[in-house]
C-alpha atoms as a PDB file:
ATOM      1  CA  MET A   1       7.110  -2.338   1.811  1.00  0.00           C
ATOM      2  CA  ASN A   2       9.327   0.262   2.371  1.00  0.00           C
ATOM      3  CA  ASP A   3      12.151   0.803  -1.006  1.00  0.00           C
ATOM      4  CA  ILE A   4      15.147  -0.646   0.962  1.00  0.00           C
ATOM      5  CA  LEU A   5      13.268  -3.911   1.151  1.00  0.00           C
ATOM      6  CA  GLU A   6      11.700  -3.466  -2.534  1.00  0.00           C
ATOM      7  CA  SER A   7      15.206  -3.216  -3.812  1.00  0.00           C
ATOM      8  CA  MET A   8      16.477  -5.939  -2.080  1.00  0.00           C
ATOM      9  CA  ARG A   9      13.354  -8.278  -2.915  1.00  0.00           C
ATOM     10  CA  ASP A  10      14.053  -7.383  -6.787  1.00  0.00           C
ATOM     11  CA  ARG A  11      17.830  -8.581  -6.620  1.00  0.00           C
ATOM     12  CA  ALA A  12      16.089 -11.626  -4.679  1.00  0.00           C
ATOM     13  CA  HIS A  13      14.463 -12.398  -7.961  1.00  0.00           C
ATOM     14  CA  ARG A  14      17.452 -11.306  -9.940  1.00  0.00           C
ATOM     15  CA  ASP A  15      20.047 -13.253  -8.083  1.00  0.00           C
ATOM     16  CA  GLU A  16      19.769 -16.698  -6.349  1.00  0.00           C
ATOM     17  CA  ASN A  17      22.653 -16.753  -4.240  1.00  0.00           C
ATOM     18  CA  PHE A  18      21.504 -13.399  -2.904  1.00  0.00           C
ATOM     19  CA  ARG A  19      18.230 -14.853  -2.159  1.00  0.00           C
ATOM     20  CA  GLN A  20      19.640 -18.053  -0.454  1.00  0.00           C
ATOM     21  CA  GLY A  21      21.562 -15.317   1.599  1.00  0.00           C
ATOM     22  CA  LEU A  22      18.395 -14.110   2.898  1.00  0.00           C
ATOM     23  CA  LEU A  23      16.402 -17.150   3.400  1.00  0.00           C
ATOM     24  CA  LYS A  24      19.150 -18.406   5.553  1.00  0.00           C
ATOM     25  CA  THR A  25      18.887 -15.507   8.354  1.00  0.00           C
ATOM     26  CA  ARG A  26      15.759 -17.049   8.754  1.00  0.00           C
ATOM     27  CA  GLU A  27      17.827 -19.698  10.591  1.00  0.00           C
ATOM     28  CA  ALA A  28      19.471 -17.156  12.969  1.00  0.00           C
ATOM     29  CA  ALA A  29      18.513 -16.934  16.708  1.00  0.00           C
ATOM     30  CA  ASP A  30      17.383 -13.183  16.179  1.00  0.00           C
ATOM     31  CA  PRO A  31      16.413 -13.509  12.710  1.00  0.00           C
ATOM     32  CA  LEU A  32      15.311  -9.683  12.456  1.00  0.00           C
ATOM     33  CA  SER A  33      18.577  -8.879  13.272  1.00  0.00           C
ATOM     34  CA  ALA A  34      20.300 -11.312  11.181  1.00  0.00           C
ATOM     35  CA  LEU A  35      18.330  -9.992   7.787  1.00  0.00           C
ATOM     36  CA  CYS A  36      19.235  -6.104   8.840  1.00  0.00           C
ATOM     37  CA  ASP A  37      23.327  -7.289   9.145  1.00  0.00           C
ATOM     38  CA  PHE A  38      23.185  -9.260   5.876  1.00  0.00           C
ATOM     39  CA  ALA A  39      21.820  -6.366   4.306  1.00  0.00           C
ATOM     40  CA  ALA A  40      23.629  -3.918   5.493  1.00  0.00           C
ATOM     41  CA  ALA A  41      26.852  -6.523   4.438  1.00  0.00           C
ATOM     42  CA  ASN A  42      25.288  -5.928   1.037  1.00  0.00           C
ATOM     43  CA  GLY A  43      24.892  -2.478   0.615  1.00  0.00           C
ATOM     44  CA  TYR A  44      21.352  -1.941   2.037  1.00  0.00           C
ATOM     45  CA  PRO A  45      21.244   0.282   4.983  1.00  0.00           C
ATOM     46  CA  LEU A  46      18.332  -1.781   6.301  1.00  0.00           C
ATOM     47  CA  THR A  47      17.508  -1.080  10.315  1.00  0.00           C
ATOM     48  CA  LEU A  48      15.504  -2.564  13.015  1.00  0.00           C
ATOM     49  CA  GLY A  49      13.371   0.287  13.296  1.00  0.00           C
ATOM     50  CA  ASP A  50      12.660   0.514   9.117  1.00  0.00           C
ATOM     51  CA  VAL A  51      10.901  -2.804   8.888  1.00  0.00           C
ATOM     52  CA  ILE A  52       9.466  -2.985  12.128  1.00  0.00           C
ATOM     53  CA  SER A  53       7.414   0.894  11.723  1.00  0.00           C
ATOM     54  CA  ASP A  54       6.703  -0.456   7.666  1.00  0.00           C
ATOM     55  CA  GLY A  55       3.251  -1.539   8.219  1.00  0.00           C
ATOM     56  CA  GLU A  56       2.876   0.401  11.462  1.00  0.00           C
ATOM     57  CA  GLU A  57       2.922   4.216   9.827  1.00  0.00           C
ATOM     58  CA  PHE A  58       0.897   3.280   6.940  1.00  0.00           C
ATOM     59  CA  ALA A  59      -1.995   2.004   9.379  1.00  0.00           C
ATOM     60  CA  CYS A  60      -1.352   5.283  11.223  1.00  0.00           C
ATOM     61  CA  ASN A  61      -1.423   7.098   8.929  1.00  0.00           C
ATOM     62  CA  GLN A  62      -5.134   5.670   7.724  1.00  0.00           C
ATOM     63  CA  MET A  63      -6.488   6.103  11.007  1.00  0.00           C
ATOM     64  CA  LYS A  64      -5.526   9.632  11.416  1.00  0.00           C
ATOM     65  CA  SER A  65      -7.175  10.320   7.856  1.00  0.00           C
ATOM     66  CA  THR A  66     -10.253   9.446   8.821  1.00  0.00           C
ATOM     67  CA  ASN A  67     -12.630  12.028  10.147  1.00  0.00           C
ATOM     68  CA  GLY A  68     -12.539  11.826  14.262  1.00  0.00           C
ATOM     69  CA  GLY A  69     -10.347   8.949  13.789  1.00  0.00           C
ATOM     70  CA  ASN A  70     -11.260   4.789  13.536  1.00  0.00           C
ATOM     71  CA  PRO A  71     -12.575   3.326  16.681  1.00  0.00           C
ATOM     72  CA  MET A  72     -11.467  -0.321  15.776  1.00  0.00           C
ATOM     73  CA  PRO A  73      -8.821   0.866  13.189  1.00  0.00           C
ATOM     74  CA  TYR A  74      -6.971  -2.870  13.184  1.00  0.00           C
ATOM     75  CA  ASP A  75     -10.301  -4.464  11.935  1.00  0.00           C
ATOM     76  CA  CYS A  76     -10.657  -2.204   9.318  1.00  0.00           C
ATOM     77  CA  PHE A  77      -6.835  -1.401   8.222  1.00  0.00           C
ATOM     78  CA  GLY A  78      -4.578  -3.588  10.098  1.00  0.00           C
ATOM     79  CA  PHE A  79      -1.041  -3.630   9.269  1.00  0.00           C
ATOM     80  CA  ASP A  80       0.885  -6.179   7.736  1.00  0.00           C
ATOM     81  CA  ASP A  81       4.177  -7.664   9.430  1.00  0.00           C
ATOM     82  CA  ALA A  82       6.608  -6.181   6.710  1.00  0.00           C
ATOM     83  CA  TYR A  83       9.111  -8.605   7.192  1.00  0.00           C
ATOM     84  CA  GLU A  84       6.752 -11.628   6.858  1.00  0.00           C
ATOM     85  CA  MET A  85       5.440  -9.905   3.450  1.00  0.00           C
ATOM     86  CA  PHE A  86       8.809  -9.548   2.534  1.00  0.00           C
ATOM     87  CA  PHE A  87       9.622 -13.010   2.998  1.00  0.00           C
ATOM     88  CA  ILE A  88       6.597 -14.037   1.123  1.00  0.00           C
ATOM     89  CA  SER A  89       7.196 -11.595  -1.634  1.00  0.00           C
ATOM     90  CA  ILE A  90      10.624 -14.012  -2.535  1.00  0.00           C
ATOM     91  CA  SER A  91       9.563 -17.377  -1.983  1.00  0.00           C
END
């Protein structure tokens, strides 16, 4: 999870109104955009790219660090969906 999501998670654990606002973004037609808009409105510069690339970057770095590459990278390492993991962490 990136630093912005971690900061938001920490605030959600302390501030119930903020947490409820985050959870409400899941009801939007485009929940990920709603999350980013909510974050920006509350002082967190979160972008769609931040959330989407978060787990993928970790997995790609793991694959590059394996001698010769890993022929089945997602079987061994995979990557978590940062968006879903974030909401699990505040539930």
